[in-house]
Amino acid sequence: MIKYSRLTKEQFEELHQEFINFLATQSITGEEWKQIKENQPEAAEEELDIFSDLIWEGVLSKSNYLENISPQQLFLFKVEENAMKLIVVKTKDESIDLTTTEGYQWLQKNFAEDDVEFFTAIKEFSEDRNGDIFSLIKQGANITKGALFTFFDKIVN
C-alpha cells in the first residue's frame, strides 16, 4: 500500500534512469518489466507505488523549508529535527493578493505597517515526521530554499 502518492507521469519520465536502477536492484530487466506490465498489471502498479514512496521518502527527509502562500497569508515553515517552526504573515488589507507579483512587492515595502500581522508557532512532529511534511504538501505547501522564512525570521526575532 502506498504511503504518500504515486508520482505523476511527468515525474516518472524525469526519473526514468532512477526507475531503471530501482528495477535492477530487484533483478528485473527491461524485457521482464514489459512482461510484468502486460501480464501482471497489479504487480506493476505495486512496483510504481514502492518506487514513488522511495522517491518521496528521499525528498521529504531532505526538506528544510516549506511555504504555503494564499492571497492574504504566507505560511512559512522551517523543518527542524523534532519540530517545525512556523511564521504566518498576514495582511488585513483584502485588496492585496500576496500570490501576485504586485502583492508580494507590496508586502516587501509594507511589512512593518499596521495592515501586516505576524504570528509564530512551533509544532512538534508526530511519530511520522515525513508524513507530517507530506500532509503540508498535500494542502498546497511547496518545498523551498527558505529565503522568505529567513527574511521574516529576522523581523520577528
N, C-alpha and C. Protein backbone atom coordinates (compact mmCIF):
# COMPACT_ATOMS: atom_id res chain seq x y z
N MET A 1 0.84 -1.19 0.00
CA MET A 1 0.00 0.00 0.00
C MET A 1 0.88 1.25 0.00
N ILE A 2 0.51 2.21 -0.82
CA ILE A 2 1.33 3.42 -0.96
C ILE A 2 1.17 4.32 0.26
N LYS A 3 2.29 4.89 0.71
CA LYS A 3 2.28 5.75 1.89
C LYS A 3 2.01 7.21 1.51
N TYR A 4 2.61 7.67 0.41
CA TYR A 4 2.47 9.07 0.02
C TYR A 4 1.53 9.18 -1.17
N SER A 5 2.04 9.45 -2.34
CA SER A 5 1.20 9.43 -3.54
C SER A 5 2.07 9.01 -4.71
N ARG A 6 1.42 8.43 -5.70
CA ARG A 6 2.17 7.99 -6.87
C ARG A 6 2.70 9.19 -7.62
N LEU A 7 3.90 9.08 -8.10
CA LEU A 7 4.48 10.13 -8.92
C LEU A 7 3.65 10.30 -10.19
N THR A 8 3.68 11.48 -10.74
CA THR A 8 2.95 11.74 -11.99
C THR A 8 3.72 11.12 -13.15
N LYS A 9 3.05 11.04 -14.28
CA LYS A 9 3.68 10.51 -15.50
C LYS A 9 4.95 11.33 -15.81
N GLU A 10 4.84 12.66 -15.67
CA GLU A 10 5.98 13.54 -15.94
C GLU A 10 7.13 13.27 -14.97
N GLN A 11 6.80 13.05 -13.71
CA GLN A 11 7.85 12.77 -12.72
C GLN A 11 8.54 11.43 -13.02
N PHE A 12 7.72 10.43 -13.41
CA PHE A 12 8.33 9.14 -13.78
C PHE A 12 9.25 9.30 -14.97
N GLU A 13 8.81 10.10 -15.96
CA GLU A 13 9.66 10.32 -17.14
C GLU A 13 10.97 10.98 -16.74
N GLU A 14 10.89 11.95 -15.84
CA GLU A 14 12.09 12.65 -15.39
C GLU A 14 13.02 11.73 -14.59
N LEU A 15 12.43 10.76 -13.90
CA LEU A 15 13.20 9.84 -13.06
C LEU A 15 13.37 8.48 -13.74
N HIS A 16 13.31 8.47 -15.05
CA HIS A 16 13.38 7.24 -15.84
C HIS A 16 14.61 6.39 -15.47
N GLN A 17 15.77 7.02 -15.43
CA GLN A 17 17.00 6.27 -15.13
C GLN A 17 16.98 5.72 -13.70
N GLU A 18 16.48 6.52 -12.76
CA GLU A 18 16.39 6.05 -11.37
C GLU A 18 15.44 4.85 -11.27
N PHE A 19 14.35 4.88 -12.07
CA PHE A 19 13.40 3.76 -12.05
C PHE A 19 14.05 2.50 -12.62
N ILE A 20 14.83 2.65 -13.68
CA ILE A 20 15.55 1.51 -14.26
C ILE A 20 16.50 0.92 -13.20
N ASN A 21 17.21 1.80 -12.50
CA ASN A 21 18.12 1.35 -11.44
C ASN A 21 17.36 0.64 -10.33
N PHE A 22 16.18 1.18 -9.98
CA PHE A 22 15.33 0.57 -8.95
C PHE A 22 14.93 -0.84 -9.37
N LEU A 23 14.50 -1.00 -10.61
CA LEU A 23 14.13 -2.33 -11.11
C LEU A 23 15.34 -3.26 -11.09
N ALA A 24 16.50 -2.72 -11.46
CA ALA A 24 17.72 -3.53 -11.49
C ALA A 24 18.08 -4.05 -10.10
N THR A 25 17.82 -3.25 -9.06
CA THR A 25 18.11 -3.72 -7.69
C THR A 25 17.26 -4.93 -7.34
N GLN A 26 16.16 -5.10 -8.06
CA GLN A 26 15.28 -6.26 -7.84
C GLN A 26 15.48 -7.32 -8.93
N SER A 27 16.58 -7.16 -9.68
CA SER A 27 16.92 -8.08 -10.78
C SER A 27 15.81 -8.19 -11.83
N ILE A 28 15.17 -7.06 -12.12
CA ILE A 28 14.13 -7.02 -13.16
C ILE A 28 14.72 -6.30 -14.37
N THR A 29 14.80 -7.00 -15.49
CA THR A 29 15.33 -6.41 -16.73
C THR A 29 14.22 -5.63 -17.43
N GLY A 30 14.60 -4.87 -18.45
CA GLY A 30 13.63 -4.12 -19.24
C GLY A 30 12.60 -5.04 -19.87
N GLU A 31 13.05 -6.16 -20.39
CA GLU A 31 12.13 -7.14 -21.02
C GLU A 31 11.17 -7.72 -19.99
N GLU A 32 11.70 -8.06 -18.81
CA GLU A 32 10.84 -8.60 -17.74
C GLU A 32 9.81 -7.55 -17.29
N TRP A 33 10.23 -6.29 -17.25
CA TRP A 33 9.31 -5.22 -16.85
C TRP A 33 8.14 -5.12 -17.83
N LYS A 34 8.44 -5.22 -19.13
CA LYS A 34 7.37 -5.19 -20.14
C LYS A 34 6.39 -6.34 -19.90
N GLN A 35 6.92 -7.52 -19.61
CA GLN A 35 6.07 -8.69 -19.38
C GLN A 35 5.23 -8.51 -18.11
N ILE A 36 5.83 -7.97 -17.07
CA ILE A 36 5.09 -7.72 -15.81
C ILE A 36 3.94 -6.75 -16.08
N LYS A 37 4.23 -5.67 -16.83
CA LYS A 37 3.18 -4.68 -17.13
C LYS A 37 2.03 -5.32 -17.90
N GLU A 38 2.34 -6.20 -18.85
CA GLU A 38 1.31 -6.83 -19.67
C GLU A 38 0.55 -7.93 -18.93
N ASN A 39 1.30 -8.77 -18.20
CA ASN A 39 0.70 -9.98 -17.64
C ASN A 39 0.33 -9.86 -16.16
N GLN A 40 0.93 -8.93 -15.44
CA GLN A 40 0.66 -8.77 -14.01
C GLN A 40 0.51 -7.29 -13.68
N PRO A 41 -0.53 -6.66 -14.22
CA PRO A 41 -0.65 -5.21 -14.02
C PRO A 41 -0.66 -4.79 -12.54
N GLU A 42 -1.25 -5.62 -11.67
CA GLU A 42 -1.28 -5.25 -10.24
C GLU A 42 0.13 -5.27 -9.64
N ALA A 43 0.98 -6.18 -10.09
CA ALA A 43 2.38 -6.22 -9.62
C ALA A 43 3.13 -4.99 -10.14
N ALA A 44 2.84 -4.61 -11.38
CA ALA A 44 3.48 -3.42 -11.94
C ALA A 44 3.07 -2.18 -11.15
N GLU A 45 1.76 -2.09 -10.83
CA GLU A 45 1.26 -0.96 -10.03
C GLU A 45 1.98 -0.90 -8.68
N GLU A 46 2.17 -2.05 -8.08
CA GLU A 46 2.83 -2.11 -6.78
C GLU A 46 4.28 -1.61 -6.88
N GLU A 47 4.97 -1.99 -7.94
CA GLU A 47 6.35 -1.51 -8.14
C GLU A 47 6.38 0.00 -8.31
N LEU A 48 5.42 0.55 -9.06
CA LEU A 48 5.35 2.01 -9.24
C LEU A 48 5.12 2.71 -7.91
N ASP A 49 4.26 2.12 -7.07
CA ASP A 49 3.97 2.71 -5.76
C ASP A 49 5.19 2.65 -4.84
N ILE A 50 5.88 1.51 -4.83
CA ILE A 50 7.06 1.36 -3.98
C ILE A 50 8.13 2.38 -4.39
N PHE A 51 8.34 2.49 -5.71
CA PHE A 51 9.32 3.47 -6.21
C PHE A 51 8.90 4.89 -5.83
N SER A 52 7.62 5.21 -6.00
CA SER A 52 7.12 6.55 -5.64
C SER A 52 7.40 6.85 -4.18
N ASP A 53 7.11 5.89 -3.29
CA ASP A 53 7.36 6.10 -1.87
C ASP A 53 8.84 6.31 -1.58
N LEU A 54 9.71 5.55 -2.25
CA LEU A 54 11.15 5.72 -2.05
C LEU A 54 11.59 7.13 -2.44
N ILE A 55 11.09 7.62 -3.57
CA ILE A 55 11.44 8.97 -4.03
C ILE A 55 10.91 10.00 -3.03
N TRP A 56 9.64 9.87 -2.63
CA TRP A 56 9.07 10.81 -1.66
C TRP A 56 9.86 10.81 -0.35
N GLU A 57 10.20 9.61 0.15
CA GLU A 57 10.96 9.49 1.40
C GLU A 57 12.25 10.31 1.31
N GLY A 58 12.97 10.17 0.18
CA GLY A 58 14.21 10.91 -0.01
C GLY A 58 13.99 12.41 -0.06
N VAL A 59 12.99 12.83 -0.80
CA VAL A 59 12.69 14.27 -0.93
C VAL A 59 12.27 14.85 0.41
N LEU A 60 11.37 14.17 1.11
CA LEU A 60 10.85 14.69 2.38
C LEU A 60 11.92 14.75 3.45
N SER A 61 12.81 13.75 3.47
CA SER A 61 13.83 13.74 4.52
C SER A 61 14.87 14.85 4.30
N LYS A 62 14.95 15.39 3.07
CA LYS A 62 15.89 16.48 2.78
C LYS A 62 15.23 17.86 2.81
N SER A 63 13.91 17.90 3.03
CA SER A 63 13.19 19.18 3.00
C SER A 63 13.46 19.97 4.27
N ASN A 64 13.90 21.22 4.09
CA ASN A 64 14.18 22.07 5.24
C ASN A 64 13.20 23.22 5.38
N TYR A 65 12.59 23.64 4.28
CA TYR A 65 11.66 24.77 4.32
C TYR A 65 10.47 24.48 3.41
N LEU A 66 9.32 24.96 3.85
CA LEU A 66 8.09 24.86 3.05
C LEU A 66 7.39 26.20 3.15
N GLU A 67 6.63 26.51 2.12
CA GLU A 67 5.78 27.70 2.21
C GLU A 67 4.47 27.45 1.50
N ASN A 68 3.43 28.00 2.08
CA ASN A 68 2.10 27.92 1.50
C ASN A 68 1.58 29.36 1.45
N ILE A 69 1.38 29.85 0.24
CA ILE A 69 1.01 31.26 0.06
C ILE A 69 -0.42 31.34 -0.45
N SER A 70 -1.24 32.10 0.28
CA SER A 70 -2.61 32.35 -0.15
C SER A 70 -2.74 33.86 -0.36
N PRO A 71 -3.87 34.31 -0.90
CA PRO A 71 -3.97 35.75 -1.20
C PRO A 71 -3.66 36.68 -0.02
N GLN A 72 -4.07 36.32 1.21
CA GLN A 72 -3.84 37.22 2.34
C GLN A 72 -2.80 36.72 3.35
N GLN A 73 -2.28 35.51 3.16
CA GLN A 73 -1.37 34.97 4.18
C GLN A 73 -0.21 34.19 3.58
N LEU A 74 0.93 34.27 4.27
CA LEU A 74 2.08 33.42 3.97
C LEU A 74 2.25 32.49 5.17
N PHE A 75 2.31 31.19 4.90
CA PHE A 75 2.64 30.22 5.94
C PHE A 75 4.04 29.72 5.62
N LEU A 76 5.00 30.05 6.47
CA LEU A 76 6.41 29.75 6.22
C LEU A 76 6.89 28.77 7.28
N PHE A 77 7.39 27.62 6.84
CA PHE A 77 7.79 26.56 7.75
C PHE A 77 9.29 26.30 7.65
N LYS A 78 9.91 26.11 8.80
CA LYS A 78 11.29 25.63 8.85
C LYS A 78 11.26 24.28 9.54
N VAL A 79 11.77 23.27 8.84
CA VAL A 79 11.77 21.91 9.37
C VAL A 79 13.02 21.73 10.21
N GLU A 80 12.82 21.40 11.48
CA GLU A 80 13.94 21.12 12.36
C GLU A 80 13.90 19.65 12.75
N GLU A 81 14.76 19.23 13.63
CA GLU A 81 14.87 17.80 13.93
C GLU A 81 13.59 17.20 14.49
N ASN A 82 13.00 17.84 15.48
CA ASN A 82 11.82 17.26 16.15
C ASN A 82 10.54 18.08 15.97
N ALA A 83 10.67 19.22 15.30
CA ALA A 83 9.52 20.11 15.19
C ALA A 83 9.66 21.00 13.97
N MET A 84 8.56 21.71 13.68
CA MET A 84 8.58 22.71 12.62
C MET A 84 8.33 24.07 13.25
N LYS A 85 9.11 25.05 12.84
CA LYS A 85 8.84 26.42 13.23
C LYS A 85 7.94 27.02 12.16
N LEU A 86 6.96 27.77 12.57
CA LEU A 86 6.02 28.38 11.65
C LEU A 86 6.01 29.88 11.85
N ILE A 87 6.05 30.60 10.73
CA ILE A 87 5.82 32.05 10.75
C ILE A 87 4.64 32.28 9.81
N VAL A 88 3.63 32.97 10.32
CA VAL A 88 2.49 33.35 9.49
C VAL A 88 2.57 34.86 9.31
N VAL A 89 2.52 35.30 8.07
CA VAL A 89 2.49 36.71 7.74
C VAL A 89 1.14 36.96 7.11
N LYS A 90 0.39 37.89 7.69
CA LYS A 90 -1.00 38.09 7.25
C LYS A 90 -1.25 39.56 6.97
N THR A 91 -1.91 39.83 5.84
CA THR A 91 -2.31 41.21 5.58
C THR A 91 -3.80 41.34 5.87
N LYS A 92 -4.17 42.44 6.52
CA LYS A 92 -5.59 42.70 6.80
C LYS A 92 -6.24 43.44 5.63
N ASP A 93 -5.41 43.90 4.69
CA ASP A 93 -5.92 44.62 3.52
C ASP A 93 -6.36 43.61 2.46
N GLU A 94 -7.67 43.43 2.32
CA GLU A 94 -8.18 42.39 1.42
C GLU A 94 -8.02 42.73 -0.06
N SER A 95 -7.59 43.97 -0.36
CA SER A 95 -7.35 44.31 -1.76
C SER A 95 -5.97 43.81 -2.23
N ILE A 96 -5.16 43.35 -1.27
CA ILE A 96 -3.82 42.84 -1.58
C ILE A 96 -3.91 41.33 -1.82
N ASP A 97 -3.25 40.86 -2.89
CA ASP A 97 -3.17 39.43 -3.18
C ASP A 97 -1.69 39.05 -3.20
N LEU A 98 -1.26 38.39 -2.13
CA LEU A 98 0.16 38.05 -1.98
C LEU A 98 0.64 37.01 -2.98
N THR A 99 -0.29 36.37 -3.69
CA THR A 99 0.11 35.37 -4.69
C THR A 99 0.53 36.03 -6.01
N THR A 100 0.31 37.34 -6.12
CA THR A 100 0.70 38.06 -7.34
C THR A 100 2.03 38.79 -7.11
N THR A 101 2.70 39.14 -8.18
CA THR A 101 3.95 39.89 -8.10
C THR A 101 3.72 41.22 -7.40
N GLU A 102 2.62 41.90 -7.76
CA GLU A 102 2.33 43.21 -7.17
C GLU A 102 2.08 43.08 -5.66
N GLY A 103 1.32 42.06 -5.28
CA GLY A 103 1.03 41.85 -3.86
C GLY A 103 2.28 41.54 -3.06
N TYR A 104 3.14 40.73 -3.66
CA TYR A 104 4.39 40.38 -2.99
C TYR A 104 5.28 41.62 -2.84
N GLN A 105 5.35 42.43 -3.90
CA GLN A 105 6.15 43.67 -3.82
C GLN A 105 5.56 44.61 -2.78
N TRP A 106 4.23 44.67 -2.68
CA TRP A 106 3.58 45.49 -1.65
C TRP A 106 4.04 45.03 -0.27
N LEU A 107 4.05 43.70 -0.06
CA LEU A 107 4.45 43.15 1.24
C LEU A 107 5.90 43.50 1.56
N GLN A 108 6.78 43.43 0.57
CA GLN A 108 8.19 43.75 0.80
C GLN A 108 8.35 45.18 1.29
N LYS A 109 7.52 46.10 0.79
CA LYS A 109 7.63 47.51 1.16
C LYS A 109 6.87 47.83 2.46
N ASN A 110 5.80 47.07 2.73
CA ASN A 110 4.88 47.45 3.81
C ASN A 110 4.81 46.47 4.97
N PHE A 111 5.77 45.57 5.09
CA PHE A 111 5.67 44.55 6.14
C PHE A 111 5.66 45.13 7.55
N ALA A 112 6.15 46.35 7.72
CA ALA A 112 6.18 46.96 9.05
C ALA A 112 4.90 47.76 9.36
N GLU A 113 3.99 47.83 8.40
CA GLU A 113 2.75 48.60 8.59
C GLU A 113 1.76 47.85 9.48
N ASP A 114 0.75 48.60 9.98
CA ASP A 114 -0.28 48.01 10.83
C ASP A 114 -1.15 46.99 10.09
N ASP A 115 -1.20 47.08 8.77
CA ASP A 115 -2.00 46.14 7.98
C ASP A 115 -1.39 44.74 7.92
N VAL A 116 -0.16 44.60 8.41
CA VAL A 116 0.53 43.31 8.34
C VAL A 116 0.73 42.78 9.77
N GLU A 117 0.30 41.52 9.97
CA GLU A 117 0.44 40.88 11.27
C GLU A 117 1.35 39.67 11.14
N PHE A 118 2.05 39.36 12.23
CA PHE A 118 2.93 38.20 12.28
C PHE A 118 2.50 37.30 13.42
N PHE A 119 2.55 36.01 13.18
CA PHE A 119 2.30 35.01 14.22
C PHE A 119 3.40 33.97 14.10
N THR A 120 3.82 33.42 15.22
CA THR A 120 4.81 32.35 15.17
C THR A 120 4.31 31.19 16.02
N ALA A 121 4.76 30.00 15.69
CA ALA A 121 4.41 28.81 16.45
C ALA A 121 5.47 27.75 16.21
N ILE A 122 5.48 26.78 17.09
CA ILE A 122 6.32 25.60 16.90
C ILE A 122 5.40 24.40 17.02
N LYS A 123 5.49 23.50 16.04
CA LYS A 123 4.67 22.30 16.05
C LYS A 123 5.58 21.09 16.11
N GLU A 124 5.41 20.30 17.17
CA GLU A 124 6.19 19.06 17.30
C GLU A 124 5.74 18.09 16.21
N PHE A 125 6.68 17.28 15.72
CA PHE A 125 6.32 16.25 14.77
C PHE A 125 5.61 15.10 15.48
N SER A 126 4.75 14.42 14.73
CA SER A 126 4.15 13.19 15.25
C SER A 126 5.22 12.10 15.13
N GLU A 127 4.81 10.85 15.27
CA GLU A 127 5.75 9.73 15.09
C GLU A 127 6.27 9.68 13.66
N ASP A 128 5.53 10.30 12.71
CA ASP A 128 5.85 10.21 11.29
C ASP A 128 6.21 11.59 10.75
N ARG A 129 7.47 11.99 10.98
CA ARG A 129 7.96 13.30 10.56
C ARG A 129 7.68 13.56 9.08
N ASN A 130 8.08 12.61 8.21
CA ASN A 130 7.90 12.81 6.77
C ASN A 130 6.42 12.85 6.40
N GLY A 131 5.60 12.09 7.09
CA GLY A 131 4.15 12.14 6.86
C GLY A 131 3.59 13.51 7.19
N ASP A 132 4.09 14.11 8.27
CA ASP A 132 3.66 15.47 8.65
C ASP A 132 4.02 16.48 7.56
N ILE A 133 5.23 16.36 7.03
CA ILE A 133 5.66 17.27 5.96
C ILE A 133 4.82 17.03 4.71
N PHE A 134 4.59 15.76 4.37
CA PHE A 134 3.81 15.43 3.17
C PHE A 134 2.39 15.97 3.28
N SER A 135 1.80 15.94 4.48
CA SER A 135 0.43 16.46 4.62
C SER A 135 0.38 17.97 4.33
N LEU A 136 1.45 18.70 4.65
CA LEU A 136 1.50 20.12 4.29
C LEU A 136 1.58 20.30 2.78
N ILE A 137 2.34 19.42 2.12
CA ILE A 137 2.45 19.48 0.66
C ILE A 137 1.08 19.19 0.02
N LYS A 138 0.37 18.21 0.56
CA LYS A 138 -0.97 17.89 0.04
C LYS A 138 -1.93 19.07 0.22
N GLN A 139 -1.68 19.89 1.24
CA GLN A 139 -2.52 21.08 1.48
C GLN A 139 -2.07 22.28 0.66
N GLY A 140 -1.04 22.10 -0.18
CA GLY A 140 -0.63 23.18 -1.07
C GLY A 140 0.72 23.79 -0.79
N ALA A 141 1.43 23.32 0.21
CA ALA A 141 2.76 23.88 0.51
C ALA A 141 3.77 23.40 -0.53
N ASN A 142 4.77 24.23 -0.77
CA ASN A 142 5.86 23.90 -1.68
C ASN A 142 7.16 23.86 -0.89
N ILE A 143 8.05 22.96 -1.30
CA ILE A 143 9.38 22.90 -0.71
C ILE A 143 10.18 24.06 -1.30
N THR A 144 10.89 24.79 -0.43
CA THR A 144 11.66 25.95 -0.90
C THR A 144 13.06 25.93 -0.27
N LYS A 145 13.84 26.91 -0.65
CA LYS A 145 15.18 27.07 -0.09
C LYS A 145 15.16 27.92 1.20
N GLY A 146 14.01 28.48 1.54
CA GLY A 146 13.87 29.17 2.81
C GLY A 146 14.15 30.66 2.82
N ALA A 147 14.22 31.29 1.66
CA ALA A 147 14.53 32.73 1.62
C ALA A 147 13.48 33.55 2.37
N LEU A 148 12.20 33.26 2.15
CA LEU A 148 11.15 34.02 2.83
C LEU A 148 11.17 33.77 4.33
N PHE A 149 11.33 32.51 4.73
CA PHE A 149 11.37 32.20 6.16
C PHE A 149 12.52 32.96 6.81
N THR A 150 13.69 32.91 6.21
CA THR A 150 14.88 33.56 6.77
C THR A 150 14.67 35.06 6.89
N PHE A 151 14.08 35.67 5.85
CA PHE A 151 13.81 37.10 5.85
C PHE A 151 12.88 37.48 7.01
N PHE A 152 11.75 36.79 7.12
CA PHE A 152 10.77 37.14 8.15
C PHE A 152 11.19 36.69 9.54
N ASP A 153 12.03 35.65 9.62
CA ASP A 153 12.54 35.20 10.92
C ASP A 153 13.37 36.31 11.55
N LYS A 154 14.13 37.04 10.74
CA LYS A 154 14.95 38.16 11.27
C LYS A 154 14.04 39.28 11.79
N ILE A 155 12.89 39.45 11.14
CA ILE A 155 11.96 40.52 11.53
C ILE A 155 11.25 40.18 12.84
N VAL A 156 10.80 38.93 12.97
CA VAL A 156 10.04 38.57 14.17
C VAL A 156 10.91 38.26 15.37
N ASN A 157 12.21 38.05 15.14
CA ASN A 157 13.08 37.73 16.30
C ASN A 157 14.03 38.84 16.63
